[in-house]
Amino acid sequence: MNQERVGSKQAQSVEYRASKYDVQTQPYYESIFQWVLRNSKTTETRHLVTTLLPIPADGSVIKVFTGTKDYFLLSSLNDSMTDYIKENPGKCLVGALAVGYLIGKIASRRG
């Protein structure tokens, strides 16, 4: 991979705009308490940050980092974990209880 090094300048007068909006989703539970009470949510709040950059006329390069590099990896892992939990809720509940018990035992030995 051969990359050319091109001189770049720091952008002046960068402007950020943030907006918040709600998106309709399939029903989901934010916590175990909502699941027990069967109080599902059908909206999700999302935030959008927009950056406005001046474009230089001298041909210098502007590189913009637009988000986490691991988004697609984390998204695919989340999908596979969600599928596993839906297929094996009993195993996941027992595992969560066991981990909680161990953390409680470790935390109680601090004395």
N, C-alpha and C. Protein backbone atom coordinates (compact mmCIF):
# COMPACT_ATOMS: atom_id res chain seq x y z
N MET A 1 0.84 -1.16 0.00
CA MET A 1 0.00 0.00 0.00
C MET A 1 0.89 1.23 0.00
N ASN A 2 0.84 1.98 -1.05
CA ASN A 2 1.67 3.17 -1.19
C ASN A 2 0.79 4.40 -1.00
N GLN A 3 1.10 5.21 0.00
CA GLN A 3 0.31 6.40 0.26
C GLN A 3 1.16 7.63 -0.02
N GLU A 4 0.58 8.57 -0.70
CA GLU A 4 1.27 9.83 -0.93
C GLU A 4 1.07 10.72 0.28
N ARG A 5 2.08 11.44 0.64
CA ARG A 5 1.95 12.40 1.73
C ARG A 5 1.64 13.75 1.12
N VAL A 6 0.49 14.24 1.44
CA VAL A 6 0.06 15.53 0.93
C VAL A 6 -0.05 16.48 2.10
N GLY A 7 0.47 17.65 1.95
CA GLY A 7 0.38 18.63 3.02
C GLY A 7 -1.06 19.02 3.28
N SER A 8 -1.43 19.09 4.53
CA SER A 8 -2.79 19.50 4.86
C SER A 8 -2.72 20.63 5.88
N LYS A 9 -3.78 21.40 5.92
CA LYS A 9 -3.87 22.52 6.84
C LYS A 9 -5.00 22.26 7.81
N GLN A 10 -4.85 22.80 9.01
CA GLN A 10 -5.93 22.69 9.97
C GLN A 10 -7.08 23.57 9.51
N ALA A 11 -8.28 23.01 9.53
CA ALA A 11 -9.44 23.76 9.06
C ALA A 11 -9.77 24.89 10.03
N GLN A 12 -10.06 26.02 9.49
CA GLN A 12 -10.45 27.18 10.28
C GLN A 12 -11.97 27.29 10.28
N SER A 13 -12.50 27.84 11.32
CA SER A 13 -13.94 28.10 11.48
C SER A 13 -14.80 26.86 11.22
N VAL A 14 -14.53 25.79 11.96
CA VAL A 14 -15.35 24.59 11.88
C VAL A 14 -16.62 24.83 12.67
N GLU A 15 -17.76 24.44 12.10
CA GLU A 15 -19.04 24.64 12.76
C GLU A 15 -19.69 23.29 13.01
N TYR A 16 -20.18 23.09 14.23
CA TYR A 16 -20.85 21.85 14.59
C TYR A 16 -22.33 22.14 14.82
N ARG A 17 -23.17 21.25 14.34
CA ARG A 17 -24.60 21.34 14.60
C ARG A 17 -25.08 20.00 15.13
N ALA A 18 -25.84 20.03 16.20
CA ALA A 18 -26.36 18.81 16.80
C ALA A 18 -27.88 18.82 16.75
N SER A 19 -28.44 17.67 16.46
CA SER A 19 -29.90 17.55 16.47
C SER A 19 -30.27 16.22 17.12
N LYS A 20 -31.44 16.21 17.71
CA LYS A 20 -31.93 15.04 18.43
C LYS A 20 -33.27 14.67 17.81
N TYR A 21 -33.47 13.38 17.56
CA TYR A 21 -34.73 12.95 16.97
C TYR A 21 -35.10 11.56 17.47
N ASP A 22 -36.37 11.23 17.40
CA ASP A 22 -36.86 9.92 17.83
C ASP A 22 -37.17 9.06 16.62
N VAL A 23 -36.90 7.77 16.75
CA VAL A 23 -37.12 6.81 15.67
C VAL A 23 -38.03 5.71 16.21
N GLN A 24 -39.02 5.31 15.42
CA GLN A 24 -39.89 4.19 15.79
C GLN A 24 -39.10 2.88 15.66
N THR A 25 -39.19 2.02 16.67
CA THR A 25 -38.49 0.74 16.66
C THR A 25 -39.47 -0.38 17.01
N GLN A 26 -38.97 -1.58 16.91
CA GLN A 26 -39.75 -2.70 17.41
C GLN A 26 -39.76 -2.61 18.93
N PRO A 27 -40.79 -3.12 19.58
CA PRO A 27 -40.83 -3.04 21.04
C PRO A 27 -39.60 -3.69 21.67
N TYR A 28 -39.01 -3.02 22.66
CA TYR A 28 -37.85 -3.54 23.38
C TYR A 28 -37.90 -3.07 24.83
N TYR A 29 -37.13 -3.73 25.69
CA TYR A 29 -37.08 -3.41 27.12
C TYR A 29 -35.70 -2.85 27.44
N GLU A 30 -35.67 -1.70 28.14
CA GLU A 30 -34.41 -1.08 28.49
C GLU A 30 -33.77 -1.71 29.72
N SER A 31 -34.55 -2.34 30.56
CA SER A 31 -34.00 -2.94 31.78
C SER A 31 -34.80 -4.18 32.13
N ILE A 32 -34.28 -4.93 33.09
CA ILE A 32 -34.97 -6.14 33.54
C ILE A 32 -36.29 -5.78 34.22
N PHE A 33 -36.32 -4.61 34.85
CA PHE A 33 -37.55 -4.21 35.52
C PHE A 33 -38.67 -3.93 34.51
N GLN A 34 -38.33 -3.31 33.40
CA GLN A 34 -39.33 -3.09 32.37
C GLN A 34 -39.81 -4.40 31.77
N TRP A 35 -38.91 -5.38 31.68
CA TRP A 35 -39.29 -6.69 31.15
C TRP A 35 -40.26 -7.37 32.11
N VAL A 36 -39.97 -7.31 33.42
CA VAL A 36 -40.84 -7.93 34.41
C VAL A 36 -42.22 -7.27 34.39
N LEU A 37 -42.23 -5.95 34.27
CA LEU A 37 -43.50 -5.21 34.25
C LEU A 37 -44.15 -5.20 32.87
N ARG A 38 -43.46 -5.76 31.87
CA ARG A 38 -43.92 -5.79 30.48
C ARG A 38 -44.21 -4.38 29.96
N ASN A 39 -43.31 -3.46 30.28
CA ASN A 39 -43.43 -2.06 29.86
C ASN A 39 -42.40 -1.81 28.76
N SER A 40 -42.76 -2.14 27.52
CA SER A 40 -41.80 -2.02 26.42
C SER A 40 -41.82 -0.62 25.83
N LYS A 41 -40.69 -0.25 25.23
CA LYS A 41 -40.57 1.03 24.53
C LYS A 41 -40.63 0.79 23.04
N THR A 42 -41.15 1.74 22.30
CA THR A 42 -41.23 1.60 20.85
C THR A 42 -40.54 2.75 20.13
N THR A 43 -39.88 3.63 20.88
CA THR A 43 -39.12 4.72 20.26
C THR A 43 -37.71 4.72 20.82
N GLU A 44 -36.80 5.22 20.02
CA GLU A 44 -35.39 5.32 20.42
C GLU A 44 -34.92 6.72 20.07
N THR A 45 -34.26 7.37 21.02
CA THR A 45 -33.75 8.71 20.77
C THR A 45 -32.36 8.60 20.15
N ARG A 46 -32.16 9.30 19.05
CA ARG A 46 -30.86 9.31 18.38
C ARG A 46 -30.35 10.74 18.28
N HIS A 47 -29.05 10.87 18.19
CA HIS A 47 -28.42 12.18 18.10
C HIS A 47 -27.57 12.23 16.84
N LEU A 48 -27.64 13.33 16.13
CA LEU A 48 -26.88 13.51 14.91
C LEU A 48 -26.02 14.76 15.07
N VAL A 49 -24.73 14.60 14.88
CA VAL A 49 -23.81 15.73 14.92
C VAL A 49 -23.29 15.96 13.52
N THR A 50 -23.47 17.16 13.01
CA THR A 50 -23.05 17.52 11.67
C THR A 50 -21.91 18.52 11.78
N THR A 51 -20.87 18.32 10.99
CA THR A 51 -19.74 19.24 10.96
C THR A 51 -19.71 19.94 9.61
N LEU A 52 -19.65 21.23 9.65
CA LEU A 52 -19.55 22.02 8.43
C LEU A 52 -18.11 22.53 8.31
N LEU A 53 -17.44 22.17 7.22
CA LEU A 53 -16.04 22.54 7.01
C LEU A 53 -15.92 23.43 5.78
N PRO A 54 -15.09 24.44 5.87
CA PRO A 54 -14.80 25.21 4.65
C PRO A 54 -13.91 24.38 3.73
N ILE A 55 -14.14 24.45 2.45
CA ILE A 55 -13.34 23.71 1.48
C ILE A 55 -12.24 24.63 0.95
N PRO A 56 -10.96 24.24 1.14
CA PRO A 56 -9.88 25.11 0.68
C PRO A 56 -9.75 25.08 -0.85
N ALA A 57 -9.38 26.20 -1.39
CA ALA A 57 -9.24 26.31 -2.85
C ALA A 57 -7.83 25.96 -3.33
N ASP A 58 -6.89 25.73 -2.40
CA ASP A 58 -5.52 25.46 -2.81
C ASP A 58 -5.23 23.98 -3.05
N GLY A 59 -6.23 23.13 -2.93
CA GLY A 59 -6.05 21.71 -3.23
C GLY A 59 -5.56 20.88 -2.06
N SER A 60 -5.46 21.46 -0.87
CA SER A 60 -5.01 20.67 0.27
C SER A 60 -6.09 19.68 0.68
N VAL A 61 -5.67 18.61 1.33
CA VAL A 61 -6.56 17.51 1.67
C VAL A 61 -7.18 17.73 3.04
N ILE A 62 -8.47 17.46 3.14
CA ILE A 62 -9.15 17.48 4.44
C ILE A 62 -9.61 16.06 4.71
N LYS A 63 -9.18 15.49 5.84
CA LYS A 63 -9.62 14.16 6.23
C LYS A 63 -10.55 14.34 7.42
N VAL A 64 -11.69 13.69 7.35
CA VAL A 64 -12.69 13.81 8.40
C VAL A 64 -12.95 12.43 8.97
N PHE A 65 -12.81 12.28 10.27
CA PHE A 65 -13.13 11.04 10.96
C PHE A 65 -14.62 11.06 11.27
N THR A 66 -15.37 10.11 10.73
CA THR A 66 -16.82 10.18 10.80
C THR A 66 -17.45 9.26 11.82
N GLY A 67 -16.70 8.51 12.55
CA GLY A 67 -17.31 7.65 13.56
C GLY A 67 -16.38 6.55 13.99
N THR A 68 -16.88 5.71 14.83
CA THR A 68 -16.06 4.63 15.36
C THR A 68 -15.70 3.64 14.26
N LYS A 69 -14.48 3.19 14.26
CA LYS A 69 -14.04 2.21 13.27
C LYS A 69 -14.68 0.85 13.51
N ASP A 70 -15.02 0.59 14.76
CA ASP A 70 -15.53 -0.72 15.13
C ASP A 70 -17.05 -0.82 15.07
N TYR A 71 -17.71 0.15 14.46
CA TYR A 71 -19.18 0.16 14.45
C TYR A 71 -19.74 -1.13 13.84
N PHE A 72 -19.25 -1.53 12.69
CA PHE A 72 -19.81 -2.69 12.01
C PHE A 72 -19.49 -3.97 12.76
N LEU A 73 -18.30 -4.07 13.34
CA LEU A 73 -17.96 -5.23 14.15
C LEU A 73 -18.86 -5.31 15.37
N LEU A 74 -19.00 -4.20 16.09
CA LEU A 74 -19.84 -4.20 17.28
C LEU A 74 -21.30 -4.45 16.94
N SER A 75 -21.75 -3.94 15.82
CA SER A 75 -23.13 -4.15 15.40
C SER A 75 -23.37 -5.63 15.10
N SER A 76 -22.45 -6.28 14.42
CA SER A 76 -22.63 -7.70 14.11
C SER A 76 -22.55 -8.55 15.38
N LEU A 77 -21.65 -8.19 16.31
CA LEU A 77 -21.59 -8.93 17.58
C LEU A 77 -22.88 -8.74 18.38
N ASN A 78 -23.41 -7.54 18.37
CA ASN A 78 -24.67 -7.28 19.07
C ASN A 78 -25.80 -8.12 18.47
N ASP A 79 -25.85 -8.20 17.15
CA ASP A 79 -26.89 -8.99 16.49
C ASP A 79 -26.78 -10.47 16.86
N SER A 80 -25.55 -11.01 16.85
CA SER A 80 -25.39 -12.43 17.17
C SER A 80 -25.69 -12.71 18.65
N MET A 81 -25.31 -11.78 19.55
CA MET A 81 -25.61 -11.96 20.97
C MET A 81 -27.13 -11.88 21.21
N THR A 82 -27.78 -10.95 20.53
CA THR A 82 -29.24 -10.81 20.68
C THR A 82 -29.94 -12.07 20.21
N ASP A 83 -29.50 -12.63 19.09
CA ASP A 83 -30.09 -13.87 18.59
C ASP A 83 -29.88 -15.01 19.58
N TYR A 84 -28.67 -15.11 20.15
CA TYR A 84 -28.38 -16.18 21.12
C TYR A 84 -29.26 -16.04 22.35
N ILE A 85 -29.42 -14.80 22.84
CA ILE A 85 -30.24 -14.58 24.03
C ILE A 85 -31.70 -14.93 23.75
N LYS A 86 -32.19 -14.60 22.56
CA LYS A 86 -33.57 -14.92 22.20
C LYS A 86 -33.78 -16.43 22.09
N GLU A 87 -32.75 -17.15 21.62
CA GLU A 87 -32.87 -18.60 21.46
C GLU A 87 -32.67 -19.35 22.76
N ASN A 88 -31.86 -18.80 23.70
CA ASN A 88 -31.53 -19.48 24.95
C ASN A 88 -31.71 -18.56 26.16
N PRO A 89 -32.93 -18.11 26.44
CA PRO A 89 -33.10 -17.17 27.55
C PRO A 89 -32.79 -17.80 28.91
N GLY A 90 -33.08 -19.08 29.09
CA GLY A 90 -32.81 -19.74 30.37
C GLY A 90 -31.33 -19.81 30.68
N LYS A 91 -30.54 -20.22 29.70
CA LYS A 91 -29.08 -20.30 29.89
C LYS A 91 -28.50 -18.92 30.22
N CYS A 92 -28.99 -17.91 29.53
CA CYS A 92 -28.47 -16.56 29.74
C CYS A 92 -28.83 -16.04 31.12
N LEU A 93 -30.04 -16.35 31.58
CA LEU A 93 -30.46 -15.92 32.91
C LEU A 93 -29.63 -16.61 33.99
N VAL A 94 -29.43 -17.90 33.85
CA VAL A 94 -28.60 -18.63 34.82
C VAL A 94 -27.17 -18.10 34.80
N GLY A 95 -26.63 -17.84 33.62
CA GLY A 95 -25.27 -17.28 33.52
C GLY A 95 -25.17 -15.92 34.17
N ALA A 96 -26.18 -15.08 33.95
CA ALA A 96 -26.16 -13.74 34.55
C ALA A 96 -26.25 -13.83 36.07
N LEU A 97 -27.07 -14.74 36.58
CA LEU A 97 -27.17 -14.92 38.03
C LEU A 97 -25.85 -15.43 38.61
N ALA A 98 -25.20 -16.35 37.92
CA ALA A 98 -23.93 -16.88 38.41
C ALA A 98 -22.85 -15.80 38.44
N VAL A 99 -22.78 -15.00 37.39
CA VAL A 99 -21.80 -13.91 37.36
C VAL A 99 -22.10 -12.90 38.46
N GLY A 100 -23.36 -12.56 38.67
CA GLY A 100 -23.74 -11.64 39.74
C GLY A 100 -23.38 -12.19 41.11
N TYR A 101 -23.59 -13.49 41.31
CA TYR A 101 -23.23 -14.13 42.57
C TYR A 101 -21.73 -14.05 42.81
N LEU A 102 -20.93 -14.36 41.79
CA LEU A 102 -19.47 -14.31 41.94
C LEU A 102 -18.98 -12.89 42.22
N ILE A 103 -19.53 -11.92 41.52
CA ILE A 103 -19.12 -10.52 41.74
C ILE A 103 -19.51 -10.11 43.16
N GLY A 104 -20.66 -10.54 43.63
CA GLY A 104 -21.08 -10.24 45.00
C GLY A 104 -20.15 -10.86 46.02
N LYS A 105 -19.71 -12.10 45.79
CA LYS A 105 -18.77 -12.76 46.70
C LYS A 105 -17.42 -12.03 46.73
N ILE A 106 -16.94 -11.65 45.56
CA ILE A 106 -15.65 -10.94 45.47
C ILE A 106 -15.76 -9.59 46.15
N ALA A 107 -16.84 -8.86 45.92
CA ALA A 107 -17.01 -7.54 46.51
C ALA A 107 -17.18 -7.61 48.02
N SER A 108 -17.78 -8.68 48.53
CA SER A 108 -18.00 -8.79 49.98
C SER A 108 -16.72 -9.14 50.74
N ARG A 109 -15.67 -9.56 50.06
CA ARG A 109 -14.39 -9.90 50.71
C ARG A 109 -13.48 -8.71 50.89
N ARG A 110 -13.93 -7.52 50.53
CA ARG A 110 -13.07 -6.34 50.59
C ARG A 110 -12.65 -5.99 52.02
N GLY A 111 -13.40 -6.39 53.02
CA GLY A 111 -13.19 -6.02 54.41
C GLY A 111 -11.81 -6.13 54.87
